[in-house]
Amino acid sequence: MSVTNVKNGDEYEELKSRGLVVVDFYTTWCGPCIKFAPEFEQMAKDFPGITFLKVDAEAIEHEDCENIKSVPTFKIFLNGLLKREFSGVDKEKILRYIERYEVQILINGRTQREFPEDIVDKVTTYMKKIRDE
């Protein structure tokens, strides 16, 4: 799976409601945004059950773009609901949120996609660890 470059507000609105979605709001002139782009692409490949979006905060007309005060800003949605938002490149934070919401999706059974078997195994192991504590 790869990152989807969102072209307009309607496309963004539709895509952000598909299960677990990580959105990178960037600008074309932002150095950290440009530097982080390959890592964001790799994350999309590493987590095929998750939707990764890139939104040019200056090119798309949408209320979510109007509220961006610095770039990059990342927003994480679960079934269309905003769960987390933060500015600045922090790959580890993104990975922690992905892990947290993958667990929530699998526990609640609220996803439209199948997760790879290794993710299911990881969540099962995590849940056993929690029960044992």
N, C-alpha and C. Protein backbone atom coordinates (compact mmCIF):
# COMPACT_ATOMS: atom_id res chain seq x y z
N MET A 1 0.84 -1.18 0.00
CA MET A 1 0.00 0.00 0.00
C MET A 1 0.89 1.24 0.00
N SER A 2 0.43 2.28 -0.61
CA SER A 2 1.21 3.51 -0.64
C SER A 2 0.39 4.67 -0.10
N VAL A 3 1.05 5.78 0.03
CA VAL A 3 0.41 7.00 0.52
C VAL A 3 -0.45 7.58 -0.60
N THR A 4 -1.64 8.03 -0.24
CA THR A 4 -2.53 8.70 -1.19
C THR A 4 -2.36 10.20 -1.04
N ASN A 5 -2.02 10.87 -2.14
CA ASN A 5 -1.95 12.33 -2.15
C ASN A 5 -3.34 12.86 -2.46
N VAL A 6 -3.94 13.49 -1.49
CA VAL A 6 -5.32 13.96 -1.61
C VAL A 6 -5.37 15.18 -2.53
N LYS A 7 -6.35 15.16 -3.44
CA LYS A 7 -6.46 16.22 -4.44
C LYS A 7 -7.47 17.30 -4.10
N ASN A 8 -8.47 16.98 -3.27
CA ASN A 8 -9.48 17.99 -2.94
C ASN A 8 -10.18 17.63 -1.62
N GLY A 9 -10.96 18.57 -1.13
CA GLY A 9 -11.62 18.40 0.15
C GLY A 9 -12.61 17.25 0.18
N ASP A 10 -13.32 17.03 -0.92
CA ASP A 10 -14.29 15.92 -0.96
C ASP A 10 -13.58 14.57 -0.86
N GLU A 11 -12.48 14.42 -1.58
CA GLU A 11 -11.72 13.18 -1.52
C GLU A 11 -11.18 12.96 -0.10
N TYR A 12 -10.66 14.01 0.50
CA TYR A 12 -10.15 13.93 1.86
C TYR A 12 -11.24 13.48 2.83
N GLU A 13 -12.39 14.09 2.73
CA GLU A 13 -13.51 13.77 3.62
C GLU A 13 -13.90 12.30 3.50
N GLU A 14 -13.92 11.80 2.28
CA GLU A 14 -14.29 10.40 2.05
C GLU A 14 -13.22 9.44 2.57
N LEU A 15 -11.95 9.74 2.31
CA LEU A 15 -10.87 8.84 2.68
C LEU A 15 -10.61 8.80 4.18
N LYS A 16 -10.82 9.90 4.88
CA LYS A 16 -10.50 9.91 6.31
C LYS A 16 -11.47 9.08 7.15
N SER A 17 -12.53 8.58 6.54
CA SER A 17 -13.51 7.79 7.28
C SER A 17 -13.32 6.29 7.09
N ARG A 18 -12.23 5.87 6.48
CA ARG A 18 -11.99 4.45 6.17
C ARG A 18 -11.14 3.76 7.23
N GLY A 19 -11.73 3.39 8.32
CA GLY A 19 -10.99 2.64 9.35
C GLY A 19 -9.97 3.53 10.03
N LEU A 20 -8.74 3.04 10.15
CA LEU A 20 -7.65 3.78 10.77
C LEU A 20 -6.91 4.56 9.68
N VAL A 21 -6.83 5.89 9.87
CA VAL A 21 -6.26 6.77 8.85
C VAL A 21 -5.25 7.71 9.50
N VAL A 22 -4.05 7.78 8.91
CA VAL A 22 -3.01 8.69 9.37
C VAL A 22 -2.83 9.74 8.27
N VAL A 23 -3.00 11.02 8.64
CA VAL A 23 -2.92 12.10 7.67
C VAL A 23 -1.72 12.99 7.98
N ASP A 24 -0.92 13.24 6.96
CA ASP A 24 0.23 14.14 7.03
C ASP A 24 -0.14 15.43 6.31
N PHE A 25 -0.35 16.51 7.07
CA PHE A 25 -0.59 17.82 6.49
C PHE A 25 0.77 18.48 6.31
N TYR A 26 1.10 18.85 5.09
CA TYR A 26 2.42 19.36 4.76
C TYR A 26 2.27 20.58 3.85
N THR A 27 3.42 21.20 3.53
CA THR A 27 3.48 22.21 2.47
C THR A 27 4.69 21.87 1.61
N THR A 28 4.69 22.39 0.41
CA THR A 28 5.79 22.08 -0.53
C THR A 28 7.10 22.75 -0.13
N TRP A 29 7.05 23.78 0.70
CA TRP A 29 8.26 24.50 1.10
C TRP A 29 8.81 24.06 2.46
N CYS A 30 8.17 23.12 3.11
CA CYS A 30 8.55 22.69 4.47
C CYS A 30 9.67 21.65 4.41
N GLY A 31 10.84 22.02 4.93
CA GLY A 31 11.99 21.12 4.93
C GLY A 31 11.75 19.82 5.68
N PRO A 32 11.29 19.88 6.95
CA PRO A 32 11.02 18.63 7.67
C PRO A 32 9.97 17.75 6.98
N CYS A 33 8.98 18.38 6.33
CA CYS A 33 7.96 17.62 5.60
C CYS A 33 8.60 16.83 4.46
N ILE A 34 9.46 17.49 3.72
CA ILE A 34 10.13 16.85 2.58
C ILE A 34 11.04 15.73 3.07
N LYS A 35 11.77 15.99 4.14
CA LYS A 35 12.70 14.99 4.68
C LYS A 35 11.96 13.75 5.21
N PHE A 36 10.78 13.95 5.81
CA PHE A 36 10.04 12.84 6.41
C PHE A 36 9.23 12.04 5.38
N ALA A 37 8.99 12.59 4.21
CA ALA A 37 8.13 11.93 3.20
C ALA A 37 8.52 10.48 2.91
N PRO A 38 9.81 10.15 2.70
CA PRO A 38 10.14 8.73 2.44
C PRO A 38 9.82 7.81 3.62
N GLU A 39 9.98 8.30 4.83
CA GLU A 39 9.65 7.48 6.00
C GLU A 39 8.14 7.25 6.09
N PHE A 40 7.37 8.27 5.75
CA PHE A 40 5.91 8.15 5.76
C PHE A 40 5.48 7.13 4.71
N GLU A 41 6.12 7.16 3.55
CA GLU A 41 5.85 6.17 2.49
C GLU A 41 6.15 4.76 2.99
N GLN A 42 7.28 4.61 3.68
CA GLN A 42 7.65 3.29 4.20
C GLN A 42 6.65 2.80 5.24
N MET A 43 6.17 3.70 6.06
CA MET A 43 5.16 3.32 7.06
C MET A 43 3.91 2.79 6.37
N ALA A 44 3.52 3.42 5.28
CA ALA A 44 2.34 2.96 4.53
C ALA A 44 2.56 1.54 4.01
N LYS A 45 3.76 1.23 3.59
CA LYS A 45 4.07 -0.13 3.12
C LYS A 45 4.11 -1.12 4.27
N ASP A 46 4.59 -0.66 5.43
CA ASP A 46 4.70 -1.54 6.60
C ASP A 46 3.35 -1.84 7.25
N PHE A 47 2.37 -0.97 7.02
CA PHE A 47 1.05 -1.14 7.63
C PHE A 47 -0.03 -1.10 6.55
N PRO A 48 -0.16 -2.19 5.79
CA PRO A 48 -1.10 -2.20 4.65
C PRO A 48 -2.58 -2.10 5.04
N GLY A 49 -2.93 -2.34 6.28
CA GLY A 49 -4.32 -2.26 6.70
C GLY A 49 -4.75 -0.86 7.11
N ILE A 50 -3.83 0.10 6.98
CA ILE A 50 -4.09 1.47 7.41
C ILE A 50 -4.01 2.38 6.20
N THR A 51 -4.84 3.41 6.19
CA THR A 51 -4.82 4.40 5.11
C THR A 51 -3.90 5.55 5.51
N PHE A 52 -2.94 5.86 4.66
CA PHE A 52 -2.02 6.98 4.87
C PHE A 52 -2.30 8.03 3.81
N LEU A 53 -2.55 9.26 4.27
CA LEU A 53 -2.88 10.35 3.36
C LEU A 53 -1.88 11.49 3.53
N LYS A 54 -1.58 12.16 2.42
CA LYS A 54 -0.82 13.41 2.44
C LYS A 54 -1.73 14.50 1.91
N VAL A 55 -1.81 15.59 2.67
CA VAL A 55 -2.66 16.71 2.30
C VAL A 55 -1.81 17.98 2.30
N ASP A 56 -1.72 18.63 1.14
CA ASP A 56 -1.04 19.92 1.06
C ASP A 56 -1.94 20.95 1.72
N ALA A 57 -1.54 21.42 2.89
CA ALA A 57 -2.38 22.30 3.70
C ALA A 57 -2.67 23.63 3.03
N GLU A 58 -1.89 24.01 2.03
CA GLU A 58 -2.12 25.27 1.33
C GLU A 58 -2.90 25.09 0.03
N ALA A 59 -3.05 23.86 -0.43
CA ALA A 59 -3.68 23.62 -1.73
C ALA A 59 -5.10 23.07 -1.63
N ILE A 60 -5.48 22.53 -0.49
CA ILE A 60 -6.80 21.91 -0.33
C ILE A 60 -7.68 22.83 0.51
N GLU A 61 -8.89 23.04 0.04
CA GLU A 61 -9.84 23.82 0.83
C GLU A 61 -10.69 22.87 1.67
N HIS A 62 -10.42 22.90 2.96
CA HIS A 62 -11.15 22.07 3.92
C HIS A 62 -10.93 22.67 5.30
N GLU A 63 -11.91 22.56 6.16
CA GLU A 63 -11.78 23.15 7.50
C GLU A 63 -10.61 22.55 8.28
N ASP A 64 -10.26 21.29 8.04
CA ASP A 64 -9.13 20.69 8.74
C ASP A 64 -7.82 21.39 8.35
N CYS A 65 -7.72 21.89 7.14
CA CYS A 65 -6.51 22.61 6.70
C CYS A 65 -6.46 24.01 7.31
N GLU A 66 -7.59 24.62 7.49
CA GLU A 66 -7.64 25.98 8.03
C GLU A 66 -7.13 26.03 9.47
N ASN A 67 -7.24 24.94 10.18
CA ASN A 67 -6.81 24.90 11.58
C ASN A 67 -5.33 24.54 11.75
N ILE A 68 -4.63 24.27 10.67
CA ILE A 68 -3.21 23.91 10.75
C ILE A 68 -2.39 25.16 11.03
N LYS A 69 -1.66 25.15 12.13
CA LYS A 69 -0.86 26.31 12.51
C LYS A 69 0.62 26.11 12.19
N SER A 70 1.07 24.86 12.09
CA SER A 70 2.45 24.57 11.71
C SER A 70 2.49 23.23 10.98
N VAL A 71 3.50 23.08 10.16
CA VAL A 71 3.65 21.85 9.40
C VAL A 71 5.01 21.22 9.70
N PRO A 72 5.09 19.91 9.64
CA PRO A 72 3.97 19.01 9.40
C PRO A 72 3.08 18.88 10.63
N THR A 73 1.81 18.65 10.36
CA THR A 73 0.84 18.30 11.39
C THR A 73 0.26 16.95 11.01
N PHE A 74 0.14 16.08 11.97
CA PHE A 74 -0.41 14.75 11.74
C PHE A 74 -1.73 14.63 12.49
N LYS A 75 -2.71 14.05 11.80
CA LYS A 75 -4.00 13.75 12.42
C LYS A 75 -4.28 12.27 12.22
N ILE A 76 -4.80 11.66 13.26
CA ILE A 76 -5.13 10.24 13.19
C ILE A 76 -6.63 10.10 13.43
N PHE A 77 -7.28 9.44 12.48
CA PHE A 77 -8.72 9.24 12.52
C PHE A 77 -9.02 7.76 12.68
N LEU A 78 -10.08 7.47 13.39
CA LEU A 78 -10.58 6.11 13.52
C LEU A 78 -12.05 6.15 13.13
N ASN A 79 -12.36 5.52 12.01
CA ASN A 79 -13.72 5.52 11.48
C ASN A 79 -14.29 6.94 11.35
N GLY A 80 -13.45 7.87 10.89
CA GLY A 80 -13.87 9.24 10.64
C GLY A 80 -13.79 10.17 11.82
N LEU A 81 -13.51 9.65 13.00
CA LEU A 81 -13.43 10.49 14.20
C LEU A 81 -11.97 10.83 14.50
N LEU A 82 -11.69 12.11 14.72
CA LEU A 82 -10.34 12.54 15.05
C LEU A 82 -9.98 12.02 16.44
N LYS A 83 -8.89 11.25 16.50
CA LYS A 83 -8.43 10.68 17.77
C LYS A 83 -7.21 11.41 18.31
N ARG A 84 -6.30 11.79 17.44
CA ARG A 84 -5.06 12.45 17.85
C ARG A 84 -4.65 13.47 16.80
N GLU A 85 -3.99 14.52 17.28
CA GLU A 85 -3.43 15.54 16.40
C GLU A 85 -2.18 16.10 17.06
N PHE A 86 -1.10 16.23 16.29
CA PHE A 86 0.13 16.82 16.82
C PHE A 86 0.94 17.37 15.66
N SER A 87 1.79 18.34 15.98
CA SER A 87 2.67 18.94 14.98
C SER A 87 4.10 18.50 15.21
N GLY A 88 4.86 18.50 14.14
CA GLY A 88 6.26 18.11 14.22
C GLY A 88 6.45 16.65 13.88
N VAL A 89 7.61 16.35 13.31
CA VAL A 89 7.92 14.98 12.92
C VAL A 89 8.25 14.17 14.18
N ASP A 90 7.47 13.12 14.40
CA ASP A 90 7.72 12.22 15.52
C ASP A 90 7.24 10.83 15.10
N LYS A 91 8.11 10.10 14.43
CA LYS A 91 7.77 8.79 13.90
C LYS A 91 7.33 7.84 15.01
N GLU A 92 8.03 7.88 16.14
CA GLU A 92 7.70 6.97 17.25
C GLU A 92 6.30 7.24 17.78
N LYS A 93 5.90 8.49 17.83
CA LYS A 93 4.56 8.82 18.31
C LYS A 93 3.52 8.27 17.34
N ILE A 94 3.76 8.42 16.05
CA ILE A 94 2.83 7.88 15.05
C ILE A 94 2.72 6.37 15.23
N LEU A 95 3.85 5.69 15.40
CA LEU A 95 3.84 4.24 15.56
C LEU A 95 3.10 3.81 16.83
N ARG A 96 3.27 4.56 17.92
CA ARG A 96 2.54 4.24 19.16
C ARG A 96 1.03 4.36 18.95
N TYR A 97 0.61 5.41 18.27
CA TYR A 97 -0.83 5.59 18.03
C TYR A 97 -1.36 4.51 17.10
N ILE A 98 -0.59 4.15 16.10
CA ILE A 98 -1.01 3.07 15.19
C ILE A 98 -1.23 1.79 16.00
N GLU A 99 -0.26 1.45 16.84
CA GLU A 99 -0.38 0.24 17.65
C GLU A 99 -1.61 0.30 18.55
N ARG A 100 -1.81 1.44 19.20
CA ARG A 100 -2.95 1.61 20.10
C ARG A 100 -4.28 1.40 19.37
N TYR A 101 -4.42 2.01 18.21
CA TYR A 101 -5.69 1.95 17.51
C TYR A 101 -5.88 0.64 16.75
N GLU A 102 -4.80 -0.02 16.37
CA GLU A 102 -4.94 -1.36 15.80
C GLU A 102 -5.54 -2.29 16.84
N VAL A 103 -5.07 -2.18 18.06
CA VAL A 103 -5.61 -3.00 19.15
C VAL A 103 -7.10 -2.69 19.34
N GLN A 104 -7.43 -1.41 19.37
CA GLN A 104 -8.82 -1.02 19.56
C GLN A 104 -9.71 -1.55 18.44
N ILE A 105 -9.24 -1.47 17.22
CA ILE A 105 -10.01 -1.96 16.06
C ILE A 105 -10.23 -3.46 16.19
N LEU A 106 -9.18 -4.20 16.49
CA LEU A 106 -9.32 -5.65 16.57
C LEU A 106 -10.21 -6.07 17.74
N ILE A 107 -10.10 -5.36 18.85
CA ILE A 107 -10.94 -5.71 20.00
C ILE A 107 -12.40 -5.43 19.69
N ASN A 108 -12.66 -4.29 19.10
CA ASN A 108 -14.04 -3.90 18.80
C ASN A 108 -14.56 -4.50 17.50
N GLY A 109 -13.66 -5.03 16.67
CA GLY A 109 -14.08 -5.60 15.39
C GLY A 109 -14.66 -4.56 14.46
N ARG A 110 -14.11 -3.34 14.52
CA ARG A 110 -14.68 -2.24 13.75
C ARG A 110 -13.74 -1.79 12.64
N THR A 111 -13.46 -2.66 11.71
CA THR A 111 -12.66 -2.26 10.57
C THR A 111 -13.26 -2.84 9.30
N GLN A 112 -13.00 -2.19 8.21
CA GLN A 112 -13.52 -2.64 6.93
C GLN A 112 -12.47 -3.46 6.18
N ARG A 113 -11.32 -3.66 6.79
CA ARG A 113 -10.24 -4.37 6.12
C ARG A 113 -9.71 -5.48 7.00
N GLU A 114 -9.04 -6.39 6.38
CA GLU A 114 -8.37 -7.45 7.12
C GLU A 114 -6.94 -7.01 7.43
N PHE A 115 -6.53 -7.19 8.65
CA PHE A 115 -5.15 -6.89 9.01
C PHE A 115 -4.29 -8.11 8.73
N PRO A 116 -3.02 -7.88 8.40
CA PRO A 116 -2.11 -9.01 8.20
C PRO A 116 -2.04 -9.89 9.45
N GLU A 117 -1.79 -11.16 9.25
CA GLU A 117 -1.77 -12.13 10.35
C GLU A 117 -0.79 -11.73 11.45
N ASP A 118 0.37 -11.14 11.09
CA ASP A 118 1.34 -10.77 12.12
C ASP A 118 0.79 -9.69 13.05
N ILE A 119 -0.08 -8.83 12.54
CA ILE A 119 -0.70 -7.80 13.38
C ILE A 119 -1.68 -8.46 14.35
N VAL A 120 -2.46 -9.39 13.86
CA VAL A 120 -3.40 -10.11 14.72
C VAL A 120 -2.64 -10.85 15.81
N ASP A 121 -1.52 -11.48 15.44
CA ASP A 121 -0.69 -12.19 16.42
C ASP A 121 -0.13 -11.22 17.46
N LYS A 122 0.32 -10.06 17.00
CA LYS A 122 0.88 -9.06 17.91
C LYS A 122 -0.17 -8.59 18.90
N VAL A 123 -1.37 -8.34 18.42
CA VAL A 123 -2.45 -7.87 19.29
C VAL A 123 -2.85 -8.97 20.28
N THR A 124 -2.93 -10.20 19.80
CA THR A 124 -3.27 -11.32 20.68
C THR A 124 -2.24 -11.45 21.80
N THR A 125 -0.97 -11.36 21.45
CA THR A 125 0.10 -11.44 22.45
C THR A 125 -0.01 -10.29 23.44
N TYR A 126 -0.28 -9.09 22.94
CA TYR A 126 -0.44 -7.91 23.78
C TYR A 126 -1.60 -8.09 24.75
N MET A 127 -2.72 -8.60 24.24
CA MET A 127 -3.89 -8.80 25.10
C MET A 127 -3.63 -9.84 26.18
N LYS A 128 -2.91 -10.90 25.84
CA LYS A 128 -2.56 -11.91 26.84
C LYS A 128 -1.68 -11.30 27.92
N LYS A 129 -0.75 -10.46 27.51
CA LYS A 129 0.16 -9.80 28.47
C LYS A 129 -0.65 -8.93 29.43
N ILE A 130 -1.61 -8.18 28.93
CA ILE A 130 -2.43 -7.33 29.78
C ILE A 130 -3.23 -8.16 30.77
N ARG A 131 -3.80 -9.26 30.31
CA ARG A 131 -4.60 -10.12 31.20
C ARG A 131 -3.74 -10.74 32.29
N ASP A 132 -2.48 -11.07 31.97
CA ASP A 132 -1.58 -11.69 32.93
C ASP A 132 -1.10 -10.73 34.00
N GLU A 133 -1.17 -9.42 33.73
CA GLU A 133 -0.64 -8.44 34.69
C GLU A 133 -1.56 -8.21 35.84
